Amino acid sequence: MEIAIQKDKYGNDIFEGDEYIVDLDRRFEGYKAGDLICKIAPWSPKMPLALEIAIRADGSIGFRSWDFSGGNGYLHTNETSAFEPTAEQIDTVNGLWSGRIKYEGLKLAVGASLQDVCPIAVVEEELLIGEKIYLA
């Protein structure tokens, strides 16, 4: 089953275009050793639709699930600082944070728990995207 998320008039800019299609029947892409499991409810609090992904050791992003469990609008992980991310995973998290990397057209906001595991290199990201990133 697919659902279409319509862009709202209040500046919902996490995807380009007027709608985003979510395939609720999409298959889990499996677990690989070293996966950094993350979850986000990109349209929270308006919609409790949550996305779970795995940031693979090679920096690629694997799909895990869509469900209606809710959550918050930031990408979080249950991993702790004991998790040792690869350089590729850190680069992917940094790219998601700056918007340099999108997951299948979605801009995912990186939460504090994920930043604890994969620290953000602001200056390096500014150089990669070619513009200043202003922090609140």
C-alpha atoms as a PDB file:
ATOM      1  CA  MET A   1       0.000   0.000   0.000  1.00  0.00           C
ATOM      2  CA  GLU A   2       1.249   3.446  -0.865  1.00  0.00           C
ATOM      3  CA  ILE A   3       0.315   6.775   0.660  1.00  0.00           C
ATOM      4  CA  ALA A   4       1.029  10.245  -0.677  1.00  0.00           C
ATOM      5  CA  ILE A   5       2.216  12.968   1.660  1.00  0.00           C
ATOM      6  CA  GLN A   6       1.173  16.353   0.323  1.00  0.00           C
ATOM      7  CA  LYS A   7       3.387  19.386   0.793  1.00  0.00           C
ATOM      8  CA  ASP A   8       1.565  21.761   3.096  1.00  0.00           C
ATOM      9  CA  LYS A   9       1.203  25.510   2.795  1.00  0.00           C
ATOM     10  CA  TYR A  10       3.292  26.088   5.921  1.00  0.00           C
ATOM     11  CA  GLY A  11       6.649  25.481   4.319  1.00  0.00           C
ATOM     12  CA  ASN A  12       7.113  21.725   4.756  1.00  0.00           C
ATOM     13  CA  ASP A  13      10.408  21.589   2.899  1.00  0.00           C
ATOM     14  CA  ILE A  14      11.784  18.160   3.739  1.00  0.00           C
ATOM     15  CA  PHE A  15      11.148  17.008   0.168  1.00  0.00           C
ATOM     16  CA  GLU A  16      11.024  18.626  -3.238  1.00  0.00           C
ATOM     17  CA  GLY A  17       7.869  18.661  -5.305  1.00  0.00           C
ATOM     18  CA  ASP A  18       4.262  18.691  -4.199  1.00  0.00           C
ATOM     19  CA  GLU A  19       4.029  15.179  -2.789  1.00  0.00           C
ATOM     20  CA  TYR A  20       6.114  12.330  -1.411  1.00  0.00           C
ATOM     21  CA  ILE A  21       5.064   8.709  -1.941  1.00  0.00           C
ATOM     22  CA  VAL A  22       5.602   6.234   0.910  1.00  0.00           C
ATOM     23  CA  ASP A  23       5.438   2.495   0.181  1.00  0.00           C
ATOM     24  CA  LEU A  24       4.194   0.939   3.420  1.00  0.00           C
ATOM     25  CA  ASP A  25       4.762  -2.579   2.023  1.00  0.00           C
ATOM     26  CA  ARG A  26       8.414  -2.033   1.148  1.00  0.00           C
ATOM     27  CA  ARG A  27      10.667  -4.885   2.213  1.00  0.00           C
ATOM     28  CA  PHE A  28      13.294  -4.662   4.925  1.00  0.00           C
ATOM     29  CA  GLU A  29      16.757  -4.529   3.305  1.00  0.00           C
ATOM     30  CA  GLY A  30      18.398  -6.674   5.970  1.00  0.00           C
ATOM     31  CA  TYR A  31      20.949  -6.198   8.698  1.00  0.00           C
ATOM     32  CA  LYS A  32      24.677  -5.951   8.126  1.00  0.00           C
ATOM     33  CA  ALA A  33      27.330  -6.030  10.819  1.00  0.00           C
ATOM     34  CA  GLY A  34      28.160  -2.515  11.947  1.00  0.00           C
ATOM     35  CA  ASP A  35      24.800  -0.996  10.985  1.00  0.00           C
ATOM     36  CA  LEU A  36      23.935   2.203  12.812  1.00  0.00           C
ATOM     37  CA  ILE A  37      20.157   1.920  13.277  1.00  0.00           C
ATOM     38  CA  CYS A  38      18.273   5.221  13.290  1.00  0.00           C
ATOM     39  CA  LYS A  39      14.648   6.320  13.472  1.00  0.00           C
ATOM     40  CA  ILE A  40      12.757   9.520  12.637  1.00  0.00           C
ATOM     41  CA  ALA A  41       9.139  10.622  12.283  1.00  0.00           C
ATOM     42  CA  PRO A  42       9.769  13.171   9.519  1.00  0.00           C
ATOM     43  CA  TRP A  43       6.270  14.698   9.636  1.00  0.00           C
ATOM     44  CA  SER A  44       5.949  14.711  13.429  1.00  0.00           C
ATOM     45  CA  PRO A  45       3.807  15.845  15.176  1.00  0.00           C
ATOM     46  CA  LYS A  46       1.272  16.116  12.325  1.00  0.00           C
ATOM     47  CA  MET A  47       1.606  12.465  11.326  1.00  0.00           C
ATOM     48  CA  PRO A  48       2.946   9.556  13.436  1.00  0.00           C
ATOM     49  CA  LEU A  49       4.609   7.910  10.414  1.00  0.00           C
ATOM     50  CA  ALA A  50       8.113   6.785  11.396  1.00  0.00           C
ATOM     51  CA  LEU A  51      11.034   5.743   9.199  1.00  0.00           C
ATOM     52  CA  GLU A  52      13.771   3.392  10.378  1.00  0.00           C
ATOM     53  CA  ILE A  53      17.026   3.262   8.421  1.00  0.00           C
ATOM     54  CA  ALA A  54      20.472   1.736   8.832  1.00  0.00           C
ATOM     55  CA  ILE A  55      23.589   3.741   8.093  1.00  0.00           C
ATOM     56  CA  ARG A  56      25.895   0.996   6.859  1.00  0.00           C
ATOM     57  CA  ALA A  57      29.592   0.732   7.668  1.00  0.00           C
ATOM     58  CA  ASP A  58      30.370   1.802   4.078  1.00  0.00           C
ATOM     59  CA  GLY A  59      28.257   4.975   4.502  1.00  0.00           C
ATOM     60  CA  SER A  60      25.337   3.793   2.392  1.00  0.00           C
ATOM     61  CA  ILE A  61      21.829   3.950   3.830  1.00  0.00           C
ATOM     62  CA  GLY A  62      19.646   0.871   4.039  1.00  0.00           C
ATOM     63  CA  PHE A  63      15.876   0.855   4.456  1.00  0.00           C
ATOM     64  CA  ARG A  64      14.402  -0.914   7.481  1.00  0.00           C
ATOM     65  CA  SER A  65      10.762   0.116   7.823  1.00  0.00           C
ATOM     66  CA  TRP A  66       7.913   2.582   7.718  1.00  0.00           C
ATOM     67  CA  ASP A  67       5.398   2.286  10.576  1.00  0.00           C
ATOM     68  CA  PHE A  68       2.921   4.361  12.532  1.00  0.00           C
ATOM     69  CA  SER A  69       4.785   4.247  15.863  1.00  0.00           C
ATOM     70  CA  GLY A  70       5.399   8.002  15.923  1.00  0.00           C
ATOM     71  CA  GLY A  71       8.459   9.563  17.447  1.00  0.00           C
ATOM     72  CA  ASN A  72      10.044  12.912  16.963  1.00  0.00           C
ATOM     73  CA  GLY A  73      11.117  14.868  13.917  1.00  0.00           C
ATOM     74  CA  TYR A  74      14.836  14.266  14.421  1.00  0.00           C
ATOM     75  CA  LEU A  75      16.880  11.256  13.352  1.00  0.00           C
ATOM     76  CA  HIS A  76      17.924   9.412  16.519  1.00  0.00           C
ATOM     77  CA  THR A  77      19.694   6.212  17.461  1.00  0.00           C
ATOM     78  CA  ASN A  78      19.711   3.987  20.525  1.00  0.00           C
ATOM     79  CA  GLU A  79      23.447   3.429  20.113  1.00  0.00           C
ATOM     80  CA  THR A  80      25.719   4.946  22.740  1.00  0.00           C
ATOM     81  CA  SER A  81      29.171   6.458  22.628  1.00  0.00           C
ATOM     82  CA  ALA A  82      30.467   2.870  22.967  1.00  0.00           C
ATOM     83  CA  PHE A  83      29.486   2.368  19.290  1.00  0.00           C
ATOM     84  CA  GLU A  84      32.513   2.996  17.067  1.00  0.00           C
ATOM     85  CA  PRO A  85      31.306   4.470  13.765  1.00  0.00           C
ATOM     86  CA  THR A  86      33.360   4.207  10.606  1.00  0.00           C
ATOM     87  CA  ALA A  87      34.613   7.347   8.857  1.00  0.00           C
ATOM     88  CA  GLU A  88      32.021   6.643   6.160  1.00  0.00           C
ATOM     89  CA  GLN A  89      29.178   6.562   8.694  1.00  0.00           C
ATOM     90  CA  ILE A  90      30.367   9.840  10.196  1.00  0.00           C
ATOM     91  CA  ASP A  91      30.495  11.385   6.716  1.00  0.00           C
ATOM     92  CA  THR A  92      26.944  10.221   5.978  1.00  0.00           C
ATOM     93  CA  VAL A  93      25.597  11.629   9.257  1.00  0.00           C
ATOM     94  CA  ASN A  94      27.391  14.920   8.572  1.00  0.00           C
ATOM     95  CA  GLY A  95      25.937  14.998   5.055  1.00  0.00           C
ATOM     96  CA  LEU A  96      22.430  14.330   6.365  1.00  0.00           C
ATOM     97  CA  TRP A  97      22.896  17.088   8.942  1.00  0.00           C
ATOM     98  CA  SER A  98      23.951  19.702   6.380  1.00  0.00           C
ATOM     99  CA  GLY A  99      21.496  18.594   3.695  1.00  0.00           C
ATOM    100  CA  ARG A 100      24.313  17.486   1.380  1.00  0.00           C
ATOM    101  CA  ILE A 101      22.855  13.974   1.537  1.00  0.00           C
ATOM    102  CA  LYS A 102      19.149  13.214   1.360  1.00  0.00           C
ATOM    103  CA  TYR A 103      17.561   9.840   1.912  1.00  0.00           C
ATOM    104  CA  GLU A 104      15.459   9.056  -1.170  1.00  0.00           C
ATOM    105  CA  GLY A 105      14.557  12.711  -1.562  1.00  0.00           C
ATOM    106  CA  LEU A 106      13.921  13.374   2.142  1.00  0.00           C
ATOM    107  CA  LYS A 107      15.947  15.870   4.148  1.00  0.00           C
ATOM    108  CA  LEU A 108      16.357  14.233   7.560  1.00  0.00           C
ATOM    109  CA  ALA A 109      17.144  16.409  10.587  1.00  0.00           C
ATOM    110  CA  VAL A 110      19.900  14.802  12.681  1.00  0.00           C
ATOM    111  CA  GLY A 111      19.142  14.581  16.403  1.00  0.00           C
ATOM    112  CA  ALA A 112      21.415  14.856  19.431  1.00  0.00           C
ATOM    113  CA  SER A 113      21.730  11.120  20.132  1.00  0.00           C
ATOM    114  CA  LEU A 114      23.075  10.541  16.619  1.00  0.00           C
ATOM    115  CA  GLN A 115      25.395  13.538  16.918  1.00  0.00           C
ATOM    116  CA  ASP A 116      26.779  12.008  20.136  1.00  0.00           C
ATOM    117  CA  VAL A 117      27.801   8.917  18.166  1.00  0.00           C
ATOM    118  CA  CYS A 118      28.884  10.746  14.986  1.00  0.00           C
ATOM    119  CA  PRO A 119      30.121  14.264  15.811  1.00  0.00           C
ATOM    120  CA  ILE A 120      29.301  16.994  13.305  1.00  0.00           C
ATOM    121  CA  ALA A 121      32.231  18.713  11.581  1.00  0.00           C
ATOM    122  CA  VAL A 122      30.610  22.070  10.819  1.00  0.00           C
ATOM    123  CA  VAL A 123      33.568  23.718   9.078  1.00  0.00           C
ATOM    124  CA  GLU A 124      34.181  20.707   6.841  1.00  0.00           C
ATOM    125  CA  GLU A 125      30.480  20.560   5.885  1.00  0.00           C
ATOM    126  CA  GLU A 126      30.483  24.268   5.065  1.00  0.00           C
ATOM    127  CA  LEU A 127      33.393  23.671   2.698  1.00  0.00           C
ATOM    128  CA  LEU A 128      31.640  20.699   1.086  1.00  0.00           C
ATOM    129  CA  ILE A 129      28.341  22.516   0.495  1.00  0.00           C
ATOM    130  CA  GLY A 130      29.968  25.848  -0.324  1.00  0.00           C
ATOM    131  CA  GLU A 131      28.009  27.980   2.114  1.00  0.00           C
ATOM    132  CA  LYS A 132      27.956  29.061   5.738  1.00  0.00           C
ATOM    133  CA  ILE A 133      25.832  27.030   8.147  1.00  0.00           C
ATOM    134  CA  TYR A 134      24.295  29.198  10.837  1.00  0.00           C
ATOM    135  CA  LEU A 135      23.611  27.458  14.115  1.00  0.00           C
ATOM    136  CA  ALA A 136      20.745  28.477  16.377  1.00  0.00           C
END
